[in-house]
Amino acid sequence: MSRVCRSAGLLVLVGVMSGCGAVEERRDAAHAAVARFERAVRAGDAAAMCGALAPGTREELEHEARSACAASVLDEDLPYGGADRHVDIHGRQARAVLEKDTVFLSQFPEGWKVVAAGCRPQGDQPYRCTVKGS
């Protein structure tokens, strides 16, 4: 095997390994964001819940309720999701499957934010979510 082929193979291996690390780091950060959101849901901390929401989700919630996020998010009766089963990462999007909820997230410059929560699968149809952005 030529030195060029070995070097190219090593570069591919390093690229693959570093890509996996990046996915694991994003998955860990998404796990942490979901955990913070779930603690806020469990505590009934409307300000923390709103802080965890993506901007479009917060705006949609305020538009539908015709009031500020903190005044309306508790009316949504979001379930406490329970234990984290797994988080799937797809680029800048994530899906966190919990015992009693599914939460969707997007990665923003300031970190992972919840774009939809209180989500239930509907067979072949899209998830039905209590809180969601437009």
Protein backbone atom coordinates (compact mmCIF):
# COMPACT_ATOMS: atom_id res chain seq x y z
CA MET A 1 0.00 0.00 0.00
CA SER A 2 1.43 3.37 -0.92
CA ARG A 3 2.13 6.07 1.59
CA VAL A 4 -0.52 8.30 -0.09
CA CYS A 5 -3.23 5.63 0.32
CA ARG A 6 -2.34 5.05 4.00
CA SER A 7 -2.39 8.81 4.64
CA ALA A 8 -5.74 9.21 2.88
CA GLY A 9 -7.15 6.27 4.85
CA LEU A 10 -5.92 7.80 8.11
CA LEU A 11 -7.51 11.14 7.25
CA VAL A 12 -10.85 9.44 6.51
CA LEU A 13 -10.66 7.53 9.81
CA VAL A 14 -9.86 10.71 11.76
CA GLY A 15 -12.71 12.54 10.00
CA VAL A 16 -15.17 9.77 10.81
CA MET A 17 -14.05 9.59 14.44
CA SER A 18 -14.22 13.35 14.94
CA GLY A 19 -17.66 13.42 13.29
CA CYS A 20 -18.90 10.86 15.81
CA GLY A 21 -17.56 12.96 18.64
CA ALA A 22 -19.42 15.96 17.32
CA VAL A 23 -22.67 13.96 17.20
CA GLU A 24 -22.12 12.69 20.75
CA GLU A 25 -21.47 16.23 21.99
CA ARG A 26 -24.64 17.48 20.29
CA ARG A 27 -26.60 14.52 21.70
CA ASP A 28 -25.30 15.26 25.22
CA ALA A 29 -26.23 18.94 24.84
CA ALA A 30 -29.71 18.01 23.59
CA HIS A 31 -30.12 15.60 26.55
CA ALA A 32 -29.18 18.45 28.90
CA ALA A 33 -31.66 20.84 27.25
CA VAL A 34 -34.48 18.30 27.55
CA ALA A 35 -33.57 17.65 31.20
CA ARG A 36 -33.73 21.40 31.98
CA PHE A 37 -37.07 21.70 30.21
CA GLU A 38 -38.49 18.67 32.03
CA ARG A 39 -37.35 20.03 35.41
CA ALA A 40 -39.19 23.26 34.59
CA VAL A 41 -42.33 21.34 33.57
CA ARG A 42 -42.24 19.27 36.75
CA ALA A 43 -41.73 22.37 38.92
CA GLY A 44 -44.37 24.41 37.06
CA ASP A 45 -41.69 27.05 36.37
CA ALA A 46 -43.29 28.99 33.52
CA ALA A 47 -40.33 31.37 33.08
CA ALA A 48 -37.86 28.48 32.72
CA MET A 49 -40.23 26.65 30.36
CA CYS A 50 -40.53 29.72 28.16
CA GLY A 51 -36.76 30.24 28.25
CA ALA A 52 -36.29 26.70 26.92
CA LEU A 53 -38.63 27.22 23.95
CA ALA A 54 -37.42 28.13 20.48
CA PRO A 55 -38.35 31.68 19.46
CA GLY A 56 -40.94 30.55 16.88
CA THR A 57 -42.55 28.17 19.36
CA ARG A 58 -42.78 30.88 22.00
CA GLU A 59 -44.28 33.29 19.47
CA GLU A 60 -46.86 30.71 18.31
CA LEU A 61 -47.85 29.96 21.91
CA GLU A 62 -48.27 33.68 22.67
CA HIS A 63 -50.21 34.25 19.45
CA GLU A 64 -52.63 31.36 20.08
CA ALA A 65 -53.18 32.30 23.75
CA ARG A 66 -53.14 36.05 23.10
CA SER A 67 -50.96 36.50 26.17
CA ALA A 68 -47.31 36.35 27.23
CA CYS A 69 -45.64 32.95 27.23
CA ALA A 70 -45.29 32.76 31.02
CA ALA A 71 -48.99 33.52 31.40
CA SER A 72 -50.06 30.83 28.93
CA VAL A 73 -47.55 27.96 28.95
CA LEU A 74 -48.91 26.45 32.16
CA ASP A 75 -52.41 26.35 30.60
CA GLU A 76 -51.05 23.89 28.03
CA ASP A 77 -50.90 21.20 30.71
CA LEU A 78 -47.68 19.68 29.38
CA PRO A 79 -46.97 16.23 30.78
CA TYR A 80 -43.87 15.54 32.81
CA GLY A 81 -42.10 13.25 30.36
CA GLY A 82 -40.31 11.06 32.87
CA ALA A 83 -37.10 9.21 32.18
CA ASP A 84 -35.18 9.90 29.00
CA ARG A 85 -35.26 6.86 26.70
CA HIS A 86 -33.15 8.18 23.82
CA VAL A 87 -32.30 11.23 21.74
CA ASP A 88 -31.97 11.05 17.96
CA ILE A 89 -29.83 13.73 16.30
CA HIS A 90 -30.44 14.69 12.66
CA GLY A 91 -28.20 17.61 11.77
CA ARG A 92 -29.44 20.59 13.79
CA GLN A 93 -32.67 18.82 14.79
CA ALA A 94 -33.28 16.33 17.59
CA ARG A 95 -36.06 14.14 18.89
CA ALA A 96 -36.05 13.17 22.57
CA VAL A 97 -38.24 10.19 23.39
CA LEU A 98 -39.20 10.14 27.05
CA GLU A 99 -41.38 7.71 29.00
CA LYS A 100 -44.51 9.88 28.65
CA ASP A 101 -43.65 12.49 26.05
CA THR A 102 -41.68 13.19 22.90
CA VAL A 103 -39.90 16.53 22.62
CA PHE A 104 -38.46 17.99 19.42
CA LEU A 105 -35.52 20.41 19.51
CA SER A 106 -33.50 22.60 17.16
CA GLN A 107 -29.97 23.82 17.66
CA PHE A 108 -29.59 27.60 17.84
CA PRO A 109 -26.42 29.68 18.41
CA GLU A 110 -27.29 29.84 22.13
CA GLY A 111 -27.91 26.06 22.31
CA TRP A 112 -30.71 23.53 21.91
CA LYS A 113 -34.26 24.88 22.19
CA VAL A 114 -37.58 23.05 22.34
CA VAL A 115 -39.62 23.47 19.14
CA ALA A 116 -42.41 21.07 20.13
CA ALA A 117 -43.46 19.28 23.32
CA GLY A 118 -46.34 17.23 24.57
CA CYS A 119 -46.04 15.21 21.36
CA ARG A 120 -47.77 11.91 20.69
CA PRO A 121 -47.25 9.68 17.64
CA GLN A 122 -50.26 9.31 15.34
CA GLY A 123 -49.37 6.16 13.40
CA ASP A 124 -48.46 7.13 9.84
CA GLN A 125 -49.43 10.75 10.49
CA PRO A 126 -47.15 13.46 11.96
CA TYR A 127 -46.88 13.72 15.73
CA ARG A 128 -49.64 15.68 17.47
CA CYS A 129 -48.03 18.22 19.83
CA THR A 130 -49.53 20.35 22.56
CA VAL A 131 -46.91 23.09 22.17
CA LYS A 132 -45.36 23.68 18.76
CA GLY A 133 -43.95 26.39 16.55
CA SER A 134 -45.23 27.35 13.15
